[in-house]
Amino acid sequence: MRYFRIFLLHFQQAFEYRSRSFIYFLLSFINPLILLAYWGAVYKSANQGISGLDFSSVTSYYLLLIVGSAMLVSHVEYDIAVEDIQEGGLVKYILRPFSYLIDRFVAELGWRIIQGIMGIIVLIILLSLFNIHLNIVSSPLMIVMLVISMIFGYCISFLCKMILGISAFWLTDFRGMQEIVDVLILVLGGFIMPLAFYPKGLQLITYALPFAYFAYFPIVIAQGKLEFIQALYILGGQIF
């Protein structure tokens, strides 16, 4: 109950800065649309599927990526590294009778919910305006798997960004490490293109790293591209 009250307080704060949430959401919104336009030109010139994916599947992927990146990818590292560690804000947490990790977790959750709602609203608008059919799972069992995968994806994203933020205890130039990790997430997390387009060797590398488990695999499950056993393997990888 205590952490729920903490969540409500942080959610109120995040809602007060909803214009800031909208700016962050635009970063999750513009990039997939630009890439979708690029792949539209590629498919038009190729006149065939690529790596077993037709253009309808790729369109669904990037539209779902708008919601997935807004809802599941945490951005807590800057606040931890700069405000808490470099500027000394961590001091106020030392004597509080609850976990700093959980406090940051529920604080970031409010931002993810607000930006996720924005993503869903924009997705509905795009589907209505352009009369797009979205390929998504309908099986109750796979929907449950999807929800679990999304929860795990957010947890993995948060913990990775938490570790990145805490690295400011030892790194003077935190921004350099942050930018390196951001590039790795873009390339190896499926935010530039579906990992199915990558060579097999590079796919194996992405499966061994945490970045693809943020949003890519939840999106693939949402598209119905995985069987139940394959989805179980993904959940096992997220737990690991």
C-alpha atoms as a PDB file:
ATOM      1  CA  MET A   1       0.000   0.000   0.000  1.00  0.00           C
ATOM      2  CA  ARG A   2       2.894   2.334   0.820  1.00  0.00           C
ATOM      3  CA  TYR A   3       4.425   1.894  -2.614  1.00  0.00           C
ATOM      4  CA  PHE A   4       1.054   2.389  -4.266  1.00  0.00           C
ATOM      5  CA  ARG A   5       0.771   5.779  -2.555  1.00  0.00           C
ATOM      6  CA  ILE A   6       4.292   6.608  -3.694  1.00  0.00           C
ATOM      7  CA  PHE A   7       3.263   5.640  -7.221  1.00  0.00           C
ATOM      8  CA  LEU A   8       0.223   7.950  -7.069  1.00  0.00           C
ATOM      9  CA  LEU A   9       2.380  10.870  -5.929  1.00  0.00           C
ATOM     10  CA  HIS A  10       4.890  10.306  -8.725  1.00  0.00           C
ATOM     11  CA  PHE A  11       2.073   9.808 -11.242  1.00  0.00           C
ATOM     12  CA  GLN A  12       0.596  13.174 -10.272  1.00  0.00           C
ATOM     13  CA  GLN A  13       4.002  14.757 -10.813  1.00  0.00           C
ATOM     14  CA  ALA A  14       4.391  13.075 -14.207  1.00  0.00           C
ATOM     15  CA  PHE A  15       0.894  14.214 -15.203  1.00  0.00           C
ATOM     16  CA  GLU A  16       1.757  17.802 -14.264  1.00  0.00           C
ATOM     17  CA  TYR A  17       4.643  17.623 -16.755  1.00  0.00           C
ATOM     18  CA  ARG A  18       2.580  15.948 -19.493  1.00  0.00           C
ATOM     19  CA  SER A  19       3.975  18.379 -22.096  1.00  0.00           C
ATOM     20  CA  ARG A  20       7.421  16.989 -21.271  1.00  0.00           C
ATOM     21  CA  SER A  21       5.982  13.496 -21.693  1.00  0.00           C
ATOM     22  CA  PHE A  22       4.638  14.504 -25.083  1.00  0.00           C
ATOM     23  CA  ILE A  23       8.065  15.730 -26.222  1.00  0.00           C
ATOM     24  CA  TYR A  24       9.627  12.420 -25.144  1.00  0.00           C
ATOM     25  CA  PHE A  25       6.814  10.575 -26.876  1.00  0.00           C
ATOM     26  CA  LEU A  26       7.554  12.363 -30.146  1.00  0.00           C
ATOM     27  CA  LEU A  27      10.987  10.726 -30.121  1.00  0.00           C
ATOM     28  CA  SER A  28       9.271   7.335 -29.970  1.00  0.00           C
ATOM     29  CA  PHE A  29       6.738   8.393 -32.610  1.00  0.00           C
ATOM     30  CA  ILE A  30       8.733  10.086 -35.384  1.00  0.00           C
ATOM     31  CA  ASN A  31      11.530   7.526 -35.742  1.00  0.00           C
ATOM     32  CA  PRO A  32       9.266   4.503 -36.544  1.00  0.00           C
ATOM     33  CA  LEU A  33       7.259   6.535 -39.082  1.00  0.00           C
ATOM     34  CA  ILE A  34      10.418   7.639 -40.900  1.00  0.00           C
ATOM     35  CA  LEU A  35      11.684   4.064 -40.993  1.00  0.00           C
ATOM     36  CA  LEU A  36       8.278   2.827 -42.159  1.00  0.00           C
ATOM     37  CA  ALA A  37       8.414   5.259 -45.084  1.00  0.00           C
ATOM     38  CA  TYR A  38      11.877   3.960 -45.935  1.00  0.00           C
ATOM     39  CA  TRP A  39      10.806   0.305 -45.890  1.00  0.00           C
ATOM     40  CA  GLY A  40       7.736   1.184 -47.925  1.00  0.00           C
ATOM     41  CA  ALA A  41      10.036   2.370 -50.709  1.00  0.00           C
ATOM     42  CA  VAL A  42      12.199  -0.751 -50.337  1.00  0.00           C
ATOM     43  CA  TYR A  43       9.225  -3.114 -50.616  1.00  0.00           C
ATOM     44  CA  LYS A  44       7.813  -1.166 -53.551  1.00  0.00           C
ATOM     45  CA  SER A  45      11.042  -1.609 -55.499  1.00  0.00           C
ATOM     46  CA  ALA A  46      11.523  -5.254 -54.419  1.00  0.00           C
ATOM     47  CA  ASN A  47       7.938  -6.382 -55.184  1.00  0.00           C
ATOM     48  CA  GLN A  48       8.358  -9.282 -52.762  1.00  0.00           C
ATOM     49  CA  GLY A  49       8.715 -10.146 -49.089  1.00  0.00           C
ATOM     50  CA  ILE A  50      12.008  -9.720 -47.253  1.00  0.00           C
ATOM     51  CA  SER A  51      13.216 -12.355 -44.769  1.00  0.00           C
ATOM     52  CA  GLY A  52       9.754 -13.909 -44.779  1.00  0.00           C
ATOM     53  CA  LEU A  53       8.000 -10.647 -43.821  1.00  0.00           C
ATOM     54  CA  ASP A  54       5.580  -8.905 -46.148  1.00  0.00           C
ATOM     55  CA  PHE A  55       4.992  -5.151 -46.033  1.00  0.00           C
ATOM     56  CA  SER A  56       1.801  -5.580 -43.990  1.00  0.00           C
ATOM     57  CA  SER A  57       3.800  -7.292 -41.216  1.00  0.00           C
ATOM     58  CA  VAL A  58       6.482  -4.595 -41.310  1.00  0.00           C
ATOM     59  CA  THR A  59       3.810  -1.879 -41.135  1.00  0.00           C
ATOM     60  CA  SER A  60       2.248  -3.557 -38.083  1.00  0.00           C
ATOM     61  CA  TYR A  61       5.706  -3.881 -36.522  1.00  0.00           C
ATOM     62  CA  TYR A  62       6.540  -0.183 -36.753  1.00  0.00           C
ATOM     63  CA  LEU A  63       3.075   0.924 -35.629  1.00  0.00           C
ATOM     64  CA  LEU A  64       3.333  -1.337 -32.587  1.00  0.00           C
ATOM     65  CA  LEU A  65       6.867  -0.044 -32.033  1.00  0.00           C
ATOM     66  CA  ILE A  66       5.399   3.429 -31.458  1.00  0.00           C
ATOM     67  CA  VAL A  67       3.477   2.084 -28.464  1.00  0.00           C
ATOM     68  CA  GLY A  68       6.170  -0.372 -27.341  1.00  0.00           C
ATOM     69  CA  SER A  69       9.011   2.124 -27.248  1.00  0.00           C
ATOM     70  CA  ALA A  70       6.867   4.719 -25.458  1.00  0.00           C
ATOM     71  CA  MET A  71       5.473   2.293 -22.892  1.00  0.00           C
ATOM     72  CA  LEU A  72       8.305  -0.150 -22.224  1.00  0.00           C
ATOM     73  CA  VAL A  73      11.618   1.680 -22.655  1.00  0.00           C
ATOM     74  CA  SER A  74      12.719   3.414 -19.464  1.00  0.00           C
ATOM     75  CA  HIS A  75      14.634   6.711 -19.438  1.00  0.00           C
ATOM     76  CA  VAL A  76      15.532   6.834 -15.761  1.00  0.00           C
ATOM     77  CA  GLU A  77      19.324   6.835 -16.191  1.00  0.00           C
ATOM     78  CA  TYR A  78      19.750  10.612 -16.535  1.00  0.00           C
ATOM     79  CA  ASP A  79      17.851  11.437 -13.329  1.00  0.00           C
ATOM     80  CA  ILE A  80      19.842   8.855 -11.389  1.00  0.00           C
ATOM     81  CA  ALA A  81      23.251   9.819 -12.785  1.00  0.00           C
ATOM     82  CA  VAL A  82      22.907  13.594 -12.825  1.00  0.00           C
ATOM     83  CA  GLU A  83      20.258  14.625 -10.298  1.00  0.00           C
ATOM     84  CA  ASP A  84      20.841  11.937  -7.672  1.00  0.00           C
ATOM     85  CA  ILE A  85      24.560  11.144  -7.945  1.00  0.00           C
ATOM     86  CA  GLN A  86      26.356  14.112  -9.486  1.00  0.00           C
ATOM     87  CA  GLU A  87      24.142  16.793  -7.883  1.00  0.00           C
ATOM     88  CA  GLY A  88      23.721  14.944  -4.573  1.00  0.00           C
ATOM     89  CA  GLY A  89      19.974  14.311  -4.668  1.00  0.00           C
ATOM     90  CA  LEU A  90      20.576  10.757  -3.483  1.00  0.00           C
ATOM     91  CA  VAL A  91      21.101  12.068   0.053  1.00  0.00           C
ATOM     92  CA  LYS A  92      17.375  12.558   0.618  1.00  0.00           C
ATOM     93  CA  TYR A  93      16.746   8.829   0.047  1.00  0.00           C
ATOM     94  CA  ILE A  94      19.255   7.538   2.602  1.00  0.00           C
ATOM     95  CA  LEU A  95      17.038   7.762   5.688  1.00  0.00           C
ATOM     96  CA  ARG A  96      13.743   6.952   3.975  1.00  0.00           C
ATOM     97  CA  PRO A  97      12.217   3.653   5.141  1.00  0.00           C
ATOM     98  CA  PHE A  98      11.817   2.190   1.657  1.00  0.00           C
ATOM     99  CA  SER A  99      13.931   1.010  -1.231  1.00  0.00           C
ATOM    100  CA  TYR A 100      15.516   3.578  -3.540  1.00  0.00           C
ATOM    101  CA  LEU A 101      15.232   1.058  -6.379  1.00  0.00           C
ATOM    102  CA  ILE A 102      11.482   0.593  -5.895  1.00  0.00           C
ATOM    103  CA  ASP A 103      10.930   4.323  -5.507  1.00  0.00           C
ATOM    104  CA  ARG A 104      12.618   4.938  -8.849  1.00  0.00           C
ATOM    105  CA  PHE A 105      10.736   2.008 -10.376  1.00  0.00           C
ATOM    106  CA  VAL A 106       7.278   3.336  -9.486  1.00  0.00           C
ATOM    107  CA  ALA A 107       8.316   6.910 -10.350  1.00  0.00           C
ATOM    108  CA  GLU A 108       9.317   5.867 -13.872  1.00  0.00           C
ATOM    109  CA  LEU A 109       6.193   3.715 -14.203  1.00  0.00           C
ATOM    110  CA  GLY A 110       3.993   6.821 -14.174  1.00  0.00           C
ATOM    111  CA  TRP A 111       5.878   8.304 -17.130  1.00  0.00           C
ATOM    112  CA  ARG A 112       5.610   5.015 -19.049  1.00  0.00           C
ATOM    113  CA  ILE A 113       1.850   4.826 -18.473  1.00  0.00           C
ATOM    114  CA  ILE A 114       1.242   8.389 -19.679  1.00  0.00           C
ATOM    115  CA  GLN A 115       3.450   8.015 -22.755  1.00  0.00           C
ATOM    116  CA  GLY A 116       1.996   4.578 -23.441  1.00  0.00           C
ATOM    117  CA  ILE A 117      -1.523   6.050 -23.449  1.00  0.00           C
ATOM    118  CA  MET A 118      -0.325   8.706 -25.889  1.00  0.00           C
ATOM    119  CA  GLY A 119       1.069   5.940 -28.078  1.00  0.00           C
ATOM    120  CA  ILE A 120      -2.211   4.015 -28.043  1.00  0.00           C
ATOM    121  CA  ILE A 121      -4.196   7.155 -28.931  1.00  0.00           C
ATOM    122  CA  VAL A 122      -1.867   7.987 -31.837  1.00  0.00           C
ATOM    123  CA  LEU A 123      -1.989   4.357 -33.012  1.00  0.00           C
ATOM    124  CA  ILE A 124      -5.798   4.406 -33.091  1.00  0.00           C
ATOM    125  CA  ILE A 125      -5.757   7.709 -35.004  1.00  0.00           C
ATOM    126  CA  LEU A 126      -3.282   6.341 -37.584  1.00  0.00           C
ATOM    127  CA  LEU A 127      -5.298   3.149 -38.050  1.00  0.00           C
ATOM    128  CA  SER A 128      -8.489   5.156 -38.550  1.00  0.00           C
ATOM    129  CA  LEU A 129      -7.030   7.780 -40.905  1.00  0.00           C
ATOM    130  CA  PHE A 130      -5.202   5.379 -43.203  1.00  0.00           C
ATOM    131  CA  ASN A 131      -7.579   2.406 -42.859  1.00  0.00           C
ATOM    132  CA  ILE A 132      -4.726   0.106 -41.803  1.00  0.00           C
ATOM    133  CA  HIS A 133      -5.409  -3.436 -40.638  1.00  0.00           C
ATOM    134  CA  LEU A 134      -3.229  -4.232 -37.637  1.00  0.00           C
ATOM    135  CA  ASN A 135      -2.079  -7.833 -37.330  1.00  0.00           C
ATOM    136  CA  ILE A 136      -2.296  -8.736 -33.645  1.00  0.00           C
ATOM    137  CA  VAL A 137      -2.874 -11.863 -31.569  1.00  0.00           C
ATOM    138  CA  SER A 138      -6.411 -12.767 -30.530  1.00  0.00           C
ATOM    139  CA  SER A 139      -5.822 -15.993 -28.585  1.00  0.00           C
ATOM    140  CA  PRO A 140      -6.474 -15.451 -24.837  1.00  0.00           C
ATOM    141  CA  LEU A 141      -3.431 -17.561 -23.948  1.00  0.00           C
ATOM    142  CA  MET A 142      -1.119 -15.543 -26.204  1.00  0.00           C
ATOM    143  CA  ILE A 143      -2.609 -12.285 -24.891  1.00  0.00           C
ATOM    144  CA  VAL A 144      -1.631 -13.389 -21.379  1.00  0.00           C
ATOM    145  CA  MET A 145       1.853 -14.230 -22.676  1.00  0.00           C
ATOM    146  CA  LEU A 146       2.001 -10.784 -24.280  1.00  0.00           C
ATOM    147  CA  VAL A 147       1.065  -8.996 -21.049  1.00  0.00           C
ATOM    148  CA  ILE A 148       3.665 -10.959 -19.078  1.00  0.00           C
ATOM    149  CA  SER A 149       6.289 -10.245 -21.741  1.00  0.00           C
ATOM    150  CA  MET A 150       5.489  -6.526 -21.605  1.00  0.00           C
ATOM    151  CA  ILE A 151       5.865  -6.478 -17.813  1.00  0.00           C
ATOM    152  CA  PHE A 152       9.183  -8.290 -18.061  1.00  0.00           C
ATOM    153  CA  GLY A 153      10.275  -5.986 -20.886  1.00  0.00           C
ATOM    154  CA  TYR A 154       9.678  -2.890 -18.783  1.00  0.00           C
ATOM    155  CA  CYS A 155      11.477  -4.448 -15.805  1.00  0.00           C
ATOM    156  CA  ILE A 156      14.521  -5.347 -17.939  1.00  0.00           C
ATOM    157  CA  SER A 157      14.599  -1.901 -19.490  1.00  0.00           C
ATOM    158  CA  PHE A 158      14.356  -0.229 -16.096  1.00  0.00           C
ATOM    159  CA  LEU A 159      17.068  -2.359 -14.497  1.00  0.00           C
ATOM    160  CA  CYS A 160      19.455  -1.856 -17.427  1.00  0.00           C
ATOM    161  CA  LYS A 161      18.932   1.900 -17.312  1.00  0.00           C
ATOM    162  CA  MET A 162      19.230   1.839 -13.507  1.00  0.00           C
ATOM    163  CA  ILE A 163      22.618   0.120 -13.782  1.00  0.00           C
ATOM    164  CA  LEU A 164      23.644   2.646 -16.435  1.00  0.00           C
ATOM    165  CA  GLY A 165      22.663   5.538 -14.173  1.00  0.00           C
ATOM    166  CA  ILE A 166      24.460   4.100 -11.153  1.00  0.00           C
ATOM    167  CA  SER A 167      27.639   3.836 -13.253  1.00  0.00           C
ATOM    168  CA  ALA A 168      27.991   7.592 -12.632  1.00  0.00           C
ATOM    169  CA  PHE A 169      29.464   6.632  -9.229  1.00  0.00           C
ATOM    170  CA  TRP A 170      32.593   5.519 -11.115  1.00  0.00           C
ATOM    171  CA  LEU A 171      32.422   7.413 -14.431  1.00  0.00           C
ATOM    172  CA  THR A 172      33.172  11.113 -14.678  1.00  0.00           C
ATOM    173  CA  ASP A 173      31.815  11.334 -18.240  1.00  0.00           C
ATOM    174  CA  PHE A 174      28.468   9.591 -17.879  1.00  0.00           C
ATOM    175  CA  ARG A 175      27.130  11.054 -21.135  1.00  0.00           C
ATOM    176  CA  GLY A 176      29.638   9.094 -23.235  1.00  0.00           C
ATOM    177  CA  MET A 177      28.507   5.773 -21.781  1.00  0.00           C
ATOM    178  CA  GLN A 178      24.860   6.785 -22.130  1.00  0.00           C
ATOM    179  CA  GLU A 179      25.269   7.575 -25.827  1.00  0.00           C
ATOM    180  CA  ILE A 180      27.060   4.263 -26.475  1.00  0.00           C
ATOM    181  CA  VAL A 181      24.256   2.319 -24.800  1.00  0.00           C
ATOM    182  CA  ASP A 182      21.609   4.315 -26.695  1.00  0.00           C
ATOM    183  CA  VAL A 183      23.247   3.348 -30.004  1.00  0.00           C
ATOM    184  CA  LEU A 184      23.414  -0.313 -28.950  1.00  0.00           C
ATOM    185  CA  ILE A 185      19.726  -0.249 -28.017  1.00  0.00           C
ATOM    186  CA  LEU A 186      18.770   1.261 -31.376  1.00  0.00           C
ATOM    187  CA  VAL A 187      20.820  -1.216 -33.404  1.00  0.00           C
ATOM    188  CA  LEU A 188      20.464  -4.400 -31.341  1.00  0.00           C
ATOM    189  CA  GLY A 189      17.024  -3.802 -29.851  1.00  0.00           C
ATOM    190  CA  GLY A 190      15.018  -3.817 -33.066  1.00  0.00           C
ATOM    191  CA  PHE A 191      14.356  -0.074 -33.093  1.00  0.00           C
ATOM    192  CA  ILE A 192      15.878   0.486 -36.541  1.00  0.00           C
ATOM    193  CA  MET A 193      14.624  -2.662 -38.242  1.00  0.00           C
ATOM    194  CA  PRO A 194      13.135  -6.025 -37.226  1.00  0.00           C
ATOM    195  CA  LEU A 195      15.850  -8.403 -36.075  1.00  0.00           C
ATOM    196  CA  ALA A 196      14.568 -10.937 -38.642  1.00  0.00           C
ATOM    197  CA  PHE A 197      16.340  -8.797 -41.269  1.00  0.00           C
ATOM    198  CA  TYR A 198      19.724  -9.313 -39.586  1.00  0.00           C
ATOM    199  CA  PRO A 199      22.192 -12.079 -40.527  1.00  0.00           C
ATOM    200  CA  LYS A 200      21.835 -15.229 -38.418  1.00  0.00           C
ATOM    201  CA  GLY A 201      25.093 -14.615 -36.551  1.00  0.00           C
ATOM    202  CA  LEU A 202      24.062 -11.099 -35.541  1.00  0.00           C
ATOM    203  CA  GLN A 203      20.610 -12.371 -34.535  1.00  0.00           C
ATOM    204  CA  LEU A 204      22.236 -14.787 -32.085  1.00  0.00           C
ATOM    205  CA  ILE A 205      24.182 -11.907 -30.563  1.00  0.00           C
ATOM    206  CA  THR A 206      21.013  -9.839 -30.123  1.00  0.00           C
ATOM    207  CA  TYR A 207      19.266 -12.794 -28.468  1.00  0.00           C
ATOM    208  CA  ALA A 208      22.098 -13.019 -25.909  1.00  0.00           C
ATOM    209  CA  LEU A 209      21.904  -9.313 -25.004  1.00  0.00           C
ATOM    210  CA  PRO A 210      19.061  -7.667 -23.047  1.00  0.00           C
ATOM    211  CA  PHE A 211      18.129  -4.936 -25.541  1.00  0.00           C
ATOM    212  CA  ALA A 212      15.834  -7.007 -27.783  1.00  0.00           C
ATOM    213  CA  TYR A 213      13.837  -8.055 -24.720  1.00  0.00           C
ATOM    214  CA  PHE A 214      12.765  -4.448 -24.017  1.00  0.00           C
ATOM    215  CA  ALA A 215      10.170  -4.071 -26.770  1.00  0.00           C
ATOM    216  CA  TYR A 216      11.118  -6.183 -29.798  1.00  0.00           C
ATOM    217  CA  PHE A 217      10.011  -9.582 -28.510  1.00  0.00           C
ATOM    218  CA  PRO A 218       6.787  -8.257 -26.916  1.00  0.00           C
ATOM    219  CA  ILE A 219       5.953  -6.735 -30.322  1.00  0.00           C
ATOM    220  CA  VAL A 220       6.719 -10.006 -32.125  1.00  0.00           C
ATOM    221  CA  ILE A 221       4.466 -11.861 -29.676  1.00  0.00           C
ATOM    222  CA  ALA A 222       1.755  -9.227 -30.217  1.00  0.00           C
ATOM    223  CA  GLN A 223       1.982  -9.798 -33.970  1.00  0.00           C
ATOM    224  CA  GLY A 224       1.402 -13.528 -33.510  1.00  0.00           C
ATOM    225  CA  LYS A 225       4.752 -14.420 -35.092  1.00  0.00           C
ATOM    226  CA  LEU A 226       5.647 -16.885 -32.319  1.00  0.00           C
ATOM    227  CA  GLU A 227       4.092 -20.163 -31.292  1.00  0.00           C
ATOM    228  CA  PHE A 228       3.310 -20.823 -27.630  1.00  0.00           C
ATOM    229  CA  ILE A 229       6.545 -22.789 -27.034  1.00  0.00           C
ATOM    230  CA  GLN A 230       8.612 -20.080 -28.725  1.00  0.00           C
ATOM    231  CA  ALA A 231       6.935 -17.428 -26.573  1.00  0.00           C
ATOM    232  CA  LEU A 232       7.793 -19.493 -23.490  1.00  0.00           C
ATOM    233  CA  TYR A 233      11.445 -19.467 -24.554  1.00  0.00           C
ATOM    234  CA  ILE A 234      11.268 -15.680 -24.853  1.00  0.00           C
ATOM    235  CA  LEU A 235       9.782 -15.357 -21.382  1.00  0.00           C
ATOM    236  CA  GLY A 236      12.535 -17.614 -20.079  1.00  0.00           C
ATOM    237  CA  GLY A 237      15.119 -15.374 -21.741  1.00  0.00           C
ATOM    238  CA  GLN A 238      13.536 -12.296 -20.145  1.00  0.00           C
ATOM    239  CA  ILE A 239      13.575 -13.935 -16.707  1.00  0.00           C
ATOM    240  CA  PHE A 240      17.230 -14.861 -17.204  1.00  0.00           C
END
